[in-house]
Amino acid sequence: MPGSFLPVTPEEVAQRGWDAPDFVYAVGEAYVDHPSFGHAIIGRVLEALDSMSPAGYYAQMAIAWAVSIAYVKFPEETGSYLRRCRLDDFTYNKALQKAVESRRVSDEDKVRLRAMKRKG
């Protein structure tokens, strides 16, 4: 499938002129390159972010930005994640802050996110 978002076969990798892919995404399910499947993997992405131990400000901010973007795109799933996540307080609060600062988050959601801030 030349022109697809990600190559899924060695032949497609070669068609792009690559020696090898930078990473391989492997799951026990079929790979489908379609935006509607974002809901299927966002939980796994958030789980992976939750399991990281960020060392330093920039690593914490990268995770916070990723969580805030996940909230913009998948508010229900990310909201559920935020209620039970194990992020450190700084990263968690920065993720909330960045989501609140987004113009793509409703005023109602911003009120809810502000109320979720951890005190510390």
PDB file of N, CA and C in Angstrom:
ATOM      1  N   MET A   1       0.824  -1.174   0.000  1.00  0.00           N
ATOM      2  CA  MET A   1       0.000   0.000   0.000  1.00  0.00           C
ATOM      3  C   MET A   1       0.876   1.249   0.000  1.00  0.00           C
ATOM      4  N   PRO A   2       1.535   1.554  -1.089  1.00  0.00           N
ATOM      5  CA  PRO A   2       2.357   2.748  -1.124  1.00  0.00           C
ATOM      6  C   PRO A   2       1.522   3.984  -0.805  1.00  0.00           C
ATOM      7  N   GLY A   3       2.117   4.902  -0.071  1.00  0.00           N
ATOM      8  CA  GLY A   3       1.412   6.117   0.295  1.00  0.00           C
ATOM      9  C   GLY A   3       0.608   5.988   1.573  1.00  0.00           C
ATOM     10  N   SER A   4       0.580   4.783   2.168  1.00  0.00           N
ATOM     11  CA  SER A   4      -0.141   4.641   3.426  1.00  0.00           C
ATOM     12  C   SER A   4       0.645   5.334   4.537  1.00  0.00           C
ATOM     13  N   PHE A   5      -0.019   5.539   5.646  1.00  0.00           N
ATOM     14  CA  PHE A   5       0.610   6.248   6.746  1.00  0.00           C
ATOM     15  C   PHE A   5       1.882   5.543   7.220  1.00  0.00           C
ATOM     16  N   LEU A   6       1.791   4.268   7.472  1.00  0.00           N
ATOM     17  CA  LEU A   6       2.949   3.491   7.907  1.00  0.00           C
ATOM     18  C   LEU A   6       3.093   2.262   7.016  1.00  0.00           C
ATOM     19  N   PRO A   7       4.315   1.904   6.663  1.00  0.00           N
ATOM     20  CA  PRO A   7       4.490   0.664   5.902  1.00  0.00           C
ATOM     21  C   PRO A   7       4.212  -0.531   6.814  1.00  0.00           C
ATOM     22  N   VAL A   8       3.590  -1.558   6.245  1.00  0.00           N
ATOM     23  CA  VAL A   8       3.258  -2.731   7.054  1.00  0.00           C
ATOM     24  C   VAL A   8       3.943  -4.006   6.570  1.00  0.00           C
ATOM     25  N   THR A   9       4.708  -3.906   5.490  1.00  0.00           N
ATOM     26  CA  THR A   9       5.432  -5.073   4.986  1.00  0.00           C
ATOM     27  C   THR A   9       6.866  -4.658   4.658  1.00  0.00           C
ATOM     28  N   PRO A  10       7.778  -5.622   4.584  1.00  0.00           N
ATOM     29  CA  PRO A  10       9.151  -5.291   4.192  1.00  0.00           C
ATOM     30  C   PRO A  10       9.216  -4.645   2.805  1.00  0.00           C
ATOM     31  N   GLU A  11       8.309  -5.055   1.925  1.00  0.00           N
ATOM     32  CA  GLU A  11       8.293  -4.477   0.580  1.00  0.00           C
ATOM     33  C   GLU A  11       7.957  -2.985   0.633  1.00  0.00           C
ATOM     34  N   GLU A  12       6.996  -2.613   1.477  1.00  0.00           N
ATOM     35  CA  GLU A  12       6.621  -1.204   1.609  1.00  0.00           C
ATOM     36  C   GLU A  12       7.757  -0.384   2.222  1.00  0.00           C
ATOM     37  N   VAL A  13       8.503  -0.999   3.132  1.00  0.00           N
ATOM     38  CA  VAL A  13       9.677  -0.321   3.709  1.00  0.00           C
ATOM     39  C   VAL A  13      10.682  -0.049   2.591  1.00  0.00           C
ATOM     40  N   ALA A  14      10.934  -1.046   1.749  1.00  0.00           N
ATOM     41  CA  ALA A  14      11.892  -0.902   0.639  1.00  0.00           C
ATOM     42  C   ALA A  14      11.400   0.134  -0.380  1.00  0.00           C
ATOM     43  N   GLN A  15      10.092   0.176  -0.641  1.00  0.00           N
ATOM     44  CA  GLN A  15       9.540   1.151  -1.588  1.00  0.00           C
ATOM     45  C   GLN A  15       9.789   2.589  -1.126  1.00  0.00           C
ATOM     46  N   ARG A  16       9.892   2.789   0.152  1.00  0.00           N
ATOM     47  CA  ARG A  16      10.161   4.133   0.679  1.00  0.00           C
ATOM     48  C   ARG A  16      11.653   4.457   0.670  1.00  0.00           C
ATOM     49  N   GLY A  17      12.470   3.490   0.296  1.00  0.00           N
ATOM     50  CA  GLY A  17      13.906   3.706   0.261  1.00  0.00           C
ATOM     51  C   GLY A  17      14.563   3.597   1.629  1.00  0.00           C
ATOM     52  N   TRP A  18      13.875   2.977   2.553  1.00  0.00           N
ATOM     53  CA  TRP A  18      14.415   2.819   3.906  1.00  0.00           C
ATOM     54  C   TRP A  18      15.212   1.523   3.985  1.00  0.00           C
ATOM     55  N   ASP A  19      16.283   1.535   4.786  1.00  0.00           N
ATOM     56  CA  ASP A  19      17.008   0.300   5.074  1.00  0.00           C
ATOM     57  C   ASP A  19      16.224  -0.546   6.072  1.00  0.00           C
ATOM     58  N   ALA A  20      15.630   0.147   7.042  1.00  0.00           N
ATOM     59  CA  ALA A  20      14.863  -0.524   8.091  1.00  0.00           C
ATOM     60  C   ALA A  20      13.957   0.513   8.752  1.00  0.00           C
ATOM     61  N   PRO A  21      12.872   0.081   9.353  1.00  0.00           N
ATOM     62  CA  PRO A  21      12.021   1.038  10.068  1.00  0.00           C
ATOM     63  C   PRO A  21      12.701   1.508  11.351  1.00  0.00           C
ATOM     64  N   ASP A  22      12.313   2.694  11.833  1.00  0.00           N
ATOM     65  CA  ASP A  22      12.848   3.201  13.097  1.00  0.00           C
ATOM     66  C   ASP A  22      12.305   2.419  14.278  1.00  0.00           C
ATOM     67  N   PHE A  23      11.090   1.946  14.165  1.00  0.00           N
ATOM     68  CA  PHE A  23      10.475   1.142  15.214  1.00  0.00           C
ATOM     69  C   PHE A  23       9.485   0.188  14.566  1.00  0.00           C
ATOM     70  N   VAL A  24       9.112  -0.835  15.320  1.00  0.00           N
ATOM     71  CA  VAL A  24       8.114  -1.793  14.854  1.00  0.00           C
ATOM     72  C   VAL A  24       7.003  -1.818  15.893  1.00  0.00           C
ATOM     73  N   TYR A  25       5.794  -1.577  15.435  1.00  0.00           N
ATOM     74  CA  TYR A  25       4.619  -1.593  16.294  1.00  0.00           C
ATOM     75  C   TYR A  25       3.993  -2.974  16.182  1.00  0.00           C
ATOM     76  N   ALA A  26       4.062  -3.765  17.232  1.00  0.00           N
ATOM     77  CA  ALA A  26       3.556  -5.135  17.177  1.00  0.00           C
ATOM     78  C   ALA A  26       2.504  -5.347  18.256  1.00  0.00           C
ATOM     79  N   VAL A  27       1.345  -5.806  17.840  1.00  0.00           N
ATOM     80  CA  VAL A  27       0.263  -6.141  18.764  1.00  0.00           C
ATOM     81  C   VAL A  27      -0.337  -7.461  18.318  1.00  0.00           C
ATOM     82  N   GLY A  28      -1.173  -8.024  19.130  1.00  0.00           N
ATOM     83  CA  GLY A  28      -1.803  -9.295  18.807  1.00  0.00           C
ATOM     84  C   GLY A  28      -3.021  -9.154  17.911  1.00  0.00           C
ATOM     85  N   GLU A  29      -3.264  -7.961  17.419  1.00  0.00           N
ATOM     86  CA  GLU A  29      -4.413  -7.726  16.552  1.00  0.00           C
ATOM     87  C   GLU A  29      -3.930  -7.260  15.186  1.00  0.00           C
ATOM     88  N   ALA A  30      -4.835  -7.250  14.244  1.00  0.00           N
ATOM     89  CA  ALA A  30      -4.508  -6.764  12.909  1.00  0.00           C
ATOM     90  C   ALA A  30      -4.258  -5.260  12.964  1.00  0.00           C
ATOM     91  N   TYR A  31      -3.309  -4.786  12.176  1.00  0.00           N
ATOM     92  CA  TYR A  31      -3.039  -3.353  12.086  1.00  0.00           C
ATOM     93  C   TYR A  31      -3.946  -2.769  11.016  1.00  0.00           C
ATOM     94  N   VAL A  32      -4.665  -1.737  11.369  1.00  0.00           N
ATOM     95  CA  VAL A  32      -5.509  -1.046  10.412  1.00  0.00           C
ATOM     96  C   VAL A  32      -5.137   0.425  10.478  1.00  0.00           C
ATOM     97  N   ASP A  33      -4.747   0.989   9.355  1.00  0.00           N
ATOM     98  CA  ASP A  33      -4.341   2.388   9.288  1.00  0.00           C
ATOM     99  C   ASP A  33      -5.572   3.255   9.036  1.00  0.00           C
ATOM    100  N   HIS A  34      -6.274   3.567  10.114  1.00  0.00           N
ATOM    101  CA  HIS A  34      -7.477   4.389   9.987  1.00  0.00           C
ATOM    102  C   HIS A  34      -7.677   5.150  11.288  1.00  0.00           C
ATOM    103  N   PRO A  35      -8.015   6.436  11.213  1.00  0.00           N
ATOM    104  CA  PRO A  35      -8.154   7.238  12.425  1.00  0.00           C
ATOM    105  C   PRO A  35      -9.197   6.729  13.406  1.00  0.00           C
ATOM    106  N   SER A  36     -10.181   5.976  12.939  1.00  0.00           N
ATOM    107  CA  SER A  36     -11.210   5.492  13.859  1.00  0.00           C
ATOM    108  C   SER A  36     -10.659   4.492  14.870  1.00  0.00           C
ATOM    109  N   PHE A  37      -9.474   3.974  14.617  1.00  0.00           N
ATOM    110  CA  PHE A  37      -8.885   3.018  15.541  1.00  0.00           C
ATOM    111  C   PHE A  37      -8.075   3.699  16.635  1.00  0.00           C
ATOM    112  N   GLY A  38      -8.057   5.033  16.643  1.00  0.00           N
ATOM    113  CA  GLY A  38      -7.371   5.759  17.709  1.00  0.00           C
ATOM    114  C   GLY A  38      -7.938   5.430  19.070  1.00  0.00           C
ATOM    115  N   HIS A  39      -9.257   5.255  19.142  1.00  0.00           N
ATOM    116  CA  HIS A  39      -9.884   4.908  20.414  1.00  0.00           C
ATOM    117  C   HIS A  39      -9.386   3.562  20.922  1.00  0.00           C
ATOM    118  N   ALA A  40      -9.052   2.691  20.014  1.00  0.00           N
ATOM    119  CA  ALA A  40      -8.608   1.359  20.403  1.00  0.00           C
ATOM    120  C   ALA A  40      -7.219   1.364  21.023  1.00  0.00           C
ATOM    121  N   ILE A  41      -6.363   2.286  20.604  1.00  0.00           N
ATOM    122  CA  ILE A  41      -4.995   2.254  21.122  1.00  0.00           C
ATOM    123  C   ILE A  41      -4.678   3.359  22.122  1.00  0.00           C
ATOM    124  N   ILE A  42      -5.571   4.351  22.283  1.00  0.00           N
ATOM    125  CA  ILE A  42      -5.226   5.452  23.188  1.00  0.00           C
ATOM    126  C   ILE A  42      -5.019   4.951  24.619  1.00  0.00           C
ATOM    127  N   GLY A  43      -5.771   3.964  25.027  1.00  0.00           N
ATOM    128  CA  GLY A  43      -5.592   3.399  26.364  1.00  0.00           C
ATOM    129  C   GLY A  43      -4.206   2.814  26.546  1.00  0.00           C
ATOM    130  N   ARG A  44      -3.709   2.167  25.508  1.00  0.00           N
ATOM    131  CA  ARG A  44      -2.365   1.582  25.581  1.00  0.00           C
ATOM    132  C   ARG A  44      -1.300   2.664  25.634  1.00  0.00           C
ATOM    133  N   VAL A  45      -1.515   3.735  24.883  1.00  0.00           N
ATOM    134  CA  VAL A  45      -0.560   4.843  24.896  1.00  0.00           C
ATOM    135  C   VAL A  45      -0.531   5.482  26.274  1.00  0.00           C
ATOM    136  N   LEU A  46      -1.699   5.745  26.839  1.00  0.00           N
ATOM    137  CA  LEU A  46      -1.759   6.356  28.170  1.00  0.00           C
ATOM    138  C   LEU A  46      -1.162   5.431  29.222  1.00  0.00           C
ATOM    139  N   GLU A  47      -1.411   4.145  29.088  1.00  0.00           N
ATOM    140  CA  GLU A  47      -0.825   3.176  30.018  1.00  0.00           C
ATOM    141  C   GLU A  47       0.701   3.203  29.942  1.00  0.00           C
ATOM    142  N   ALA A  48       1.226   3.318  28.725  1.00  0.00           N
ATOM    143  CA  ALA A  48       2.681   3.393  28.559  1.00  0.00           C
ATOM    144  C   ALA A  48       3.234   4.666  29.193  1.00  0.00           C
ATOM    145  N   LEU A  49       2.541   5.791  29.011  1.00  0.00           N
ATOM    146  CA  LEU A  49       2.987   7.042  29.632  1.00  0.00           C
ATOM    147  C   LEU A  49       2.955   6.926  31.151  1.00  0.00           C
ATOM    148  N   ASP A  50       1.930   6.242  31.665  1.00  0.00           N
ATOM    149  CA  ASP A  50       1.777   6.084  33.108  1.00  0.00           C
ATOM    150  C   ASP A  50       2.899   5.242  33.711  1.00  0.00           C
ATOM    151  N   SER A  51       3.457   4.336  32.930  1.00  0.00           N
ATOM    152  CA  SER A  51       4.493   3.445  33.454  1.00  0.00           C
ATOM    153  C   SER A  51       5.891   4.049  33.384  1.00  0.00           C
ATOM    154  N   MET A  52       6.018   5.215  32.749  1.00  0.00           N
ATOM    155  CA  MET A  52       7.332   5.851  32.625  1.00  0.00           C
ATOM    156  C   MET A  52       7.724   6.529  33.933  1.00  0.00           C
ATOM    157  N   SER A  53       9.017   6.612  34.146  1.00  0.00           N
ATOM    158  CA  SER A  53       9.559   7.339  35.292  1.00  0.00           C
ATOM    159  C   SER A  53      10.386   8.493  34.741  1.00  0.00           C
ATOM    160  N   PRO A  54       9.730   9.626  34.467  1.00  0.00           N
ATOM    161  CA  PRO A  54      10.454  10.723  33.830  1.00  0.00           C
ATOM    162  C   PRO A  54      11.531  11.299  34.736  1.00  0.00           C
ATOM    163  N   ALA A  55      12.705  11.460  34.175  1.00  0.00           N
ATOM    164  CA  ALA A  55      13.829  12.027  34.923  1.00  0.00           C
ATOM    165  C   ALA A  55      14.078  13.429  34.397  1.00  0.00           C
ATOM    166  N   GLY A  56      13.603  14.412  35.103  1.00  0.00           N
ATOM    167  CA  GLY A  56      13.868  15.780  34.712  1.00  0.00           C
ATOM    168  C   GLY A  56      12.675  16.490  34.109  1.00  0.00           C
ATOM    169  N   TYR A  57      12.795  17.792  34.087  1.00  0.00           N
ATOM    170  CA  TYR A  57      11.730  18.682  33.646  1.00  0.00           C
ATOM    171  C   TYR A  57      11.244  18.377  32.233  1.00  0.00           C
ATOM    172  N   TYR A  58      12.150  18.242  31.281  1.00  0.00           N
ATOM    173  CA  TYR A  58      11.746  18.060  29.891  1.00  0.00           C
ATOM    174  C   TYR A  58      11.024  16.737  29.670  1.00  0.00           C
ATOM    175  N   ALA A  59      11.434  15.705  30.348  1.00  0.00           N
ATOM    176  CA  ALA A  59      10.744  14.421  30.240  1.00  0.00           C
ATOM    177  C   ALA A  59       9.342  14.523  30.835  1.00  0.00           C
ATOM    178  N   GLN A  60       9.222  15.209  31.960  1.00  0.00           N
ATOM    179  CA  GLN A  60       7.906  15.401  32.565  1.00  0.00           C
ATOM    180  C   GLN A  60       6.996  16.224  31.656  1.00  0.00           C
ATOM    181  N   MET A  61       7.553  17.265  31.044  1.00  0.00           N
ATOM    182  CA  MET A  61       6.750  18.106  30.154  1.00  0.00           C
ATOM    183  C   MET A  61       6.320  17.345  28.902  1.00  0.00           C
ATOM    184  N   ALA A  62       7.180  16.479  28.394  1.00  0.00           N
ATOM    185  CA  ALA A  62       6.818  15.686  27.213  1.00  0.00           C
ATOM    186  C   ALA A  62       5.613  14.799  27.518  1.00  0.00           C
ATOM    187  N   ILE A  63       5.626  14.168  28.669  1.00  0.00           N
ATOM    188  CA  ILE A  63       4.497  13.326  29.066  1.00  0.00           C
ATOM    189  C   ILE A  63       3.251  14.180  29.275  1.00  0.00           C
ATOM    190  N   ALA A  64       3.412  15.327  29.934  1.00  0.00           N
ATOM    191  CA  ALA A  64       2.263  16.218  30.164  1.00  0.00           C
ATOM    192  C   ALA A  64       1.644  16.669  28.845  1.00  0.00           C
ATOM    193  N   TRP A  65       2.478  17.040  27.888  1.00  0.00           N
ATOM    194  CA  TRP A  65       1.963  17.456  26.574  1.00  0.00           C
ATOM    195  C   TRP A  65       1.235  16.296  25.907  1.00  0.00           C
ATOM    196  N   ALA A  66       1.806  15.111  25.956  1.00  0.00           N
ATOM    197  CA  ALA A  66       1.173  13.952  25.326  1.00  0.00           C
ATOM    198  C   ALA A  66      -0.196  13.680  25.949  1.00  0.00           C
ATOM    199  N   VAL A  67      -0.286  13.752  27.257  1.00  0.00           N
ATOM    200  CA  VAL A  67      -1.565  13.519  27.936  1.00  0.00           C
ATOM    201  C   VAL A  67      -2.567  14.610  27.569  1.00  0.00           C
ATOM    202  N   SER A  68      -2.106  15.855  27.500  1.00  0.00           N
ATOM    203  CA  SER A  68      -3.031  16.945  27.170  1.00  0.00           C
ATOM    204  C   SER A  68      -3.561  16.804  25.742  1.00  0.00           C
ATOM    205  N   ILE A  69      -2.716  16.396  24.820  1.00  0.00           N
ATOM    206  CA  ILE A  69      -3.171  16.179  23.439  1.00  0.00           C
ATOM    207  C   ILE A  69      -4.129  14.994  23.381  1.00  0.00           C
ATOM    208  N   ALA A  70      -3.842  13.961  24.156  1.00  0.00           N
ATOM    209  CA  ALA A  70      -4.766  12.825  24.228  1.00  0.00           C
ATOM    210  C   ALA A  70      -6.126  13.303  24.728  1.00  0.00           C
ATOM    211  N   TYR A  71      -6.120  14.214  25.692  1.00  0.00           N
ATOM    212  CA  TYR A  71      -7.395  14.729  26.200  1.00  0.00           C
ATOM    213  C   TYR A  71      -8.153  15.494  25.123  1.00  0.00           C
ATOM    214  N   VAL A  72      -7.451  16.294  24.360  1.00  0.00           N
ATOM    215  CA  VAL A  72      -8.099  17.059  23.285  1.00  0.00           C
ATOM    216  C   VAL A  72      -8.767  16.117  22.292  1.00  0.00           C
ATOM    217  N   LYS A  73      -8.079  15.055  21.934  1.00  0.00           N
ATOM    218  CA  LYS A  73      -8.586  14.133  20.908  1.00  0.00           C
ATOM    219  C   LYS A  73      -9.565  13.089  21.470  1.00  0.00           C
ATOM    220  N   PHE A  74      -9.322  12.638  22.691  1.00  0.00           N
ATOM    221  CA  PHE A  74     -10.109  11.561  23.302  1.00  0.00           C
ATOM    222  C   PHE A  74     -10.461  11.940  24.740  1.00  0.00           C
ATOM    223  N   PRO A  75     -11.353  12.911  24.938  1.00  0.00           N
ATOM    224  CA  PRO A  75     -11.617  13.417  26.289  1.00  0.00           C
ATOM    225  C   PRO A  75     -12.188  12.382  27.256  1.00  0.00           C
ATOM    226  N   GLU A  76     -13.081  11.524  26.806  1.00  0.00           N
ATOM    227  CA  GLU A  76     -13.663  10.539  27.721  1.00  0.00           C
ATOM    228  C   GLU A  76     -12.619   9.550  28.206  1.00  0.00           C
ATOM    229  N   GLU A  77     -11.866   8.985  27.271  1.00  0.00           N
ATOM    230  CA  GLU A  77     -10.865   7.986  27.627  1.00  0.00           C
ATOM    231  C   GLU A  77      -9.764   8.600  28.499  1.00  0.00           C
ATOM    232  N   THR A  78      -9.322   9.793  28.120  1.00  0.00           N
ATOM    233  CA  THR A  78      -8.234  10.428  28.867  1.00  0.00           C
ATOM    234  C   THR A  78      -8.724  10.916  30.218  1.00  0.00           C
ATOM    235  N   GLY A  79      -9.957  11.391  30.292  1.00  0.00           N
ATOM    236  CA  GLY A  79     -10.523  11.792  31.581  1.00  0.00           C
ATOM    237  C   GLY A  79     -10.579  10.624  32.542  1.00  0.00           C
ATOM    238  N   SER A  80     -10.970   9.472  32.044  1.00  0.00           N
ATOM    239  CA  SER A  80     -10.996   8.257  32.866  1.00  0.00           C
ATOM    240  C   SER A  80      -9.587   7.901  33.332  1.00  0.00           C
ATOM    241  N   TYR A  81      -8.631   7.990  32.428  1.00  0.00           N
ATOM    242  CA  TYR A  81      -7.235   7.730  32.773  1.00  0.00           C
ATOM    243  C   TYR A  81      -6.751   8.696  33.863  1.00  0.00           C
ATOM    244  N   LEU A  82      -7.051   9.979  33.718  1.00  0.00           N
ATOM    245  CA  LEU A  82      -6.576  10.980  34.676  1.00  0.00           C
ATOM    246  C   LEU A  82      -7.122  10.732  36.076  1.00  0.00           C
ATOM    247  N   ARG A  83      -8.307  10.159  36.184  1.00  0.00           N
ATOM    248  CA  ARG A  83      -8.888   9.892  37.504  1.00  0.00           C
ATOM    249  C   ARG A  83      -8.182   8.754  38.239  1.00  0.00           C
ATOM    250  N   ARG A  84      -7.423   7.936  37.515  1.00  0.00           N
ATOM    251  CA  ARG A  84      -6.773   6.786  38.166  1.00  0.00           C
ATOM    252  C   ARG A  84      -5.275   6.685  37.900  1.00  0.00           C
ATOM    253  N   CYS A  85      -4.695   7.654  37.222  1.00  0.00           N
ATOM    254  CA  CYS A  85      -3.293   7.530  36.805  1.00  0.00           C
ATOM    255  C   CYS A  85      -2.327   7.631  37.981  1.00  0.00           C
ATOM    256  N   ARG A  86      -1.091   7.230  37.695  1.00  0.00           N
ATOM    257  CA  ARG A  86      -0.028   7.260  38.708  1.00  0.00           C
ATOM    258  C   ARG A  86       1.042   8.299  38.381  1.00  0.00           C
ATOM    259  N   LEU A  87       0.710   9.270  37.550  1.00  0.00           N
ATOM    260  CA  LEU A  87       1.687  10.315  37.221  1.00  0.00           C
ATOM    261  C   LEU A  87       2.068  11.078  38.484  1.00  0.00           C
ATOM    262  N   ASP A  88       3.309  11.539  38.532  1.00  0.00           N
ATOM    263  CA  ASP A  88       3.701  12.380  39.653  1.00  0.00           C
ATOM    264  C   ASP A  88       2.888  13.672  39.600  1.00  0.00           C
ATOM    265  N   ASP A  89       2.784  14.360  40.736  1.00  0.00           N
ATOM    266  CA  ASP A  89       1.928  15.543  40.835  1.00  0.00           C
ATOM    267  C   ASP A  89       2.288  16.632  39.828  1.00  0.00           C
ATOM    268  N   PHE A  90       3.576  16.875  39.609  1.00  0.00           N
ATOM    269  CA  PHE A  90       3.990  17.921  38.679  1.00  0.00           C
ATOM    270  C   PHE A  90       3.504  17.606  37.264  1.00  0.00           C
ATOM    271  N   THR A  91       3.778  16.397  36.794  1.00  0.00           N
ATOM    272  CA  THR A  91       3.410  16.003  35.439  1.00  0.00           C
ATOM    273  C   THR A  91       1.890  16.003  35.276  1.00  0.00           C
ATOM    274  N   TYR A  92       1.194  15.465  36.262  1.00  0.00           N
ATOM    275  CA  TYR A  92      -0.264  15.417  36.238  1.00  0.00           C
ATOM    276  C   TYR A  92      -0.850  16.826  36.141  1.00  0.00           C
ATOM    277  N   ASN A  93      -0.401  17.714  37.017  1.00  0.00           N
ATOM    278  CA  ASN A  93      -0.934  19.079  37.018  1.00  0.00           C
ATOM    279  C   ASN A  93      -0.577  19.841  35.742  1.00  0.00           C
ATOM    280  N   LYS A  94       0.607  19.599  35.192  1.00  0.00           N
ATOM    281  CA  LYS A  94       0.979  20.242  33.924  1.00  0.00           C
ATOM    282  C   LYS A  94       0.108  19.725  32.785  1.00  0.00           C
ATOM    283  N   ALA A  95      -0.219  18.447  32.790  1.00  0.00           N
ATOM    284  CA  ALA A  95      -1.101  17.894  31.762  1.00  0.00           C
ATOM    285  C   ALA A  95      -2.466  18.578  31.834  1.00  0.00           C
ATOM    286  N   LEU A  96      -2.980  18.729  33.042  1.00  0.00           N
ATOM    287  CA  LEU A  96      -4.252  19.437  33.209  1.00  0.00           C
ATOM    288  C   LEU A  96      -4.140  20.872  32.719  1.00  0.00           C
ATOM    289  N   GLN A  97      -3.069  21.546  33.106  1.00  0.00           N
ATOM    290  CA  GLN A  97      -2.873  22.941  32.711  1.00  0.00           C
ATOM    291  C   GLN A  97      -2.845  23.083  31.192  1.00  0.00           C
ATOM    292  N   LYS A  98      -2.095  22.225  30.533  1.00  0.00           N
ATOM    293  CA  LYS A  98      -1.981  22.313  29.075  1.00  0.00           C
ATOM    294  C   LYS A  98      -3.326  22.022  28.401  1.00  0.00           C
ATOM    295  N   ALA A  99      -4.099  21.104  28.935  1.00  0.00           N
ATOM    296  CA  ALA A  99      -5.422  20.826  28.373  1.00  0.00           C
ATOM    297  C   ALA A  99      -6.344  22.030  28.578  1.00  0.00           C
ATOM    298  N   VAL A 100      -6.269  22.640  29.753  1.00  0.00           N
ATOM    299  CA  VAL A 100      -7.093  23.819  30.040  1.00  0.00           C
ATOM    300  C   VAL A 100      -6.715  24.982  29.126  1.00  0.00           C
ATOM    301  N   GLU A 101      -5.453  25.106  28.793  1.00  0.00           N
ATOM    302  CA  GLU A 101      -4.995  26.193  27.923  1.00  0.00           C
ATOM    303  C   GLU A 101      -5.388  25.983  26.463  1.00  0.00           C
ATOM    304  N   SER A 102      -5.795  24.785  26.103  1.00  0.00           N
ATOM    305  CA  SER A 102      -6.148  24.484  24.715  1.00  0.00           C
ATOM    306  C   SER A 102      -7.444  25.180  24.314  1.00  0.00           C
ATOM    307  N   ARG A 103      -7.476  25.690  23.125  1.00  0.00           N
ATOM    308  CA  ARG A 103      -8.699  26.294  22.581  1.00  0.00           C
ATOM    309  C   ARG A 103      -9.674  25.230  22.094  1.00  0.00           C
ATOM    310  N   ARG A 104      -9.224  23.985  22.052  1.00  0.00           N
ATOM    311  CA  ARG A 104     -10.070  22.903  21.557  1.00  0.00           C
ATOM    312  C   ARG A 104     -10.792  22.154  22.669  1.00  0.00           C
ATOM    313  N   VAL A 105     -10.632  22.614  23.905  1.00  0.00           N
ATOM    314  CA  VAL A 105     -11.314  22.010  25.048  1.00  0.00           C
ATOM    315  C   VAL A 105     -12.457  22.938  25.455  1.00  0.00           C
ATOM    316  N   SER A 106     -13.630  22.376  25.682  1.00  0.00           N
ATOM    317  CA  SER A 106     -14.806  23.190  26.009  1.00  0.00           C
ATOM    318  C   SER A 106     -14.645  23.859  27.371  1.00  0.00           C
ATOM    319  N   ASP A 107     -15.364  24.942  27.572  1.00  0.00           N
ATOM    320  CA  ASP A 107     -15.336  25.638  28.860  1.00  0.00           C
ATOM    321  C   ASP A 107     -15.806  24.723  29.987  1.00  0.00           C
ATOM    322  N   GLU A 108     -16.802  23.901  29.697  1.00  0.00           N
ATOM    323  CA  GLU A 108     -17.303  22.952  30.691  1.00  0.00           C
ATOM    324  C   GLU A 108     -16.208  21.962  31.098  1.00  0.00           C
ATOM    325  N   ASP A 109     -15.483  21.439  30.126  1.00  0.00           N
ATOM    326  CA  ASP A 109     -14.385  20.519  30.427  1.00  0.00           C
ATOM    327  C   ASP A 109     -13.268  21.223  31.195  1.00  0.00           C
ATOM    328  N   LYS A 110     -13.018  22.483  30.866  1.00  0.00           N
ATOM    329  CA  LYS A 110     -11.967  23.228  31.575  1.00  0.00           C
ATOM    330  C   LYS A 110     -12.294  23.376  33.054  1.00  0.00           C
ATOM    331  N   VAL A 111     -13.551  23.606  33.382  1.00  0.00           N
ATOM    332  CA  VAL A 111     -13.967  23.690  34.783  1.00  0.00           C
ATOM    333  C   VAL A 111     -13.715  22.360  35.473  1.00  0.00           C
ATOM    334  N   ARG A 112     -14.090  21.272  34.801  1.00  0.00           N
ATOM    335  CA  ARG A 112     -13.902  19.935  35.365  1.00  0.00           C
ATOM    336  C   ARG A 112     -12.409  19.624  35.560  1.00  0.00           C
ATOM    337  N   LEU A 113     -11.583  19.986  34.579  1.00  0.00           N
ATOM    338  CA  LEU A 113     -10.146  19.736  34.685  1.00  0.00           C
ATOM    339  C   LEU A 113      -9.512  20.548  35.816  1.00  0.00           C
ATOM    340  N   ARG A 114      -9.916  21.805  35.950  1.00  0.00           N
ATOM    341  CA  ARG A 114      -9.360  22.629  37.040  1.00  0.00           C
ATOM    342  C   ARG A 114      -9.676  22.020  38.405  1.00  0.00           C
ATOM    343  N   ALA A 115     -10.864  21.430  38.538  1.00  0.00           N
ATOM    344  CA  ALA A 115     -11.258  20.822  39.803  1.00  0.00           C
ATOM    345  C   ALA A 115     -10.463  19.551  40.101  1.00  0.00           C
ATOM    346  N   MET A 116      -9.842  18.968  39.097  1.00  0.00           N
ATOM    347  CA  MET A 116      -9.071  17.731  39.272  1.00  0.00           C
ATOM    348  C   MET A 116      -7.634  17.983  39.719  1.00  0.00           C
ATOM    349  N   LYS A 117      -7.226  19.238  39.781  1.00  0.00           N
ATOM    350  CA  LYS A 117      -5.830  19.543  40.132  1.00  0.00           C
ATOM    351  C   LYS A 117      -5.486  18.964  41.493  1.00  0.00           C
ATOM    352  N   ARG A 118      -4.308  18.378  41.565  1.00  0.00           N
ATOM    353  CA  ARG A 118      -3.813  17.830  42.830  1.00  0.00           C
ATOM    354  C   ARG A 118      -3.183  18.942  43.648  1.00  0.00           C
ATOM    355  N   LYS A 119      -3.476  18.934  44.912  1.00  0.00           N
ATOM    356  CA  LYS A 119      -2.877  19.905  45.837  1.00  0.00           C
ATOM    357  C   LYS A 119      -1.598  19.277  46.386  1.00  0.00           C
ATOM    358  N   GLY A 120      -0.601  20.079  46.539  1.00  0.00           N
ATOM    359  CA  GLY A 120       0.611  19.454  47.054  1.00  0.00           C
ATOM    360  C   GLY A 120       1.664  20.384  47.270  1.00  0.00           C
TER     361      GLY A 120
END
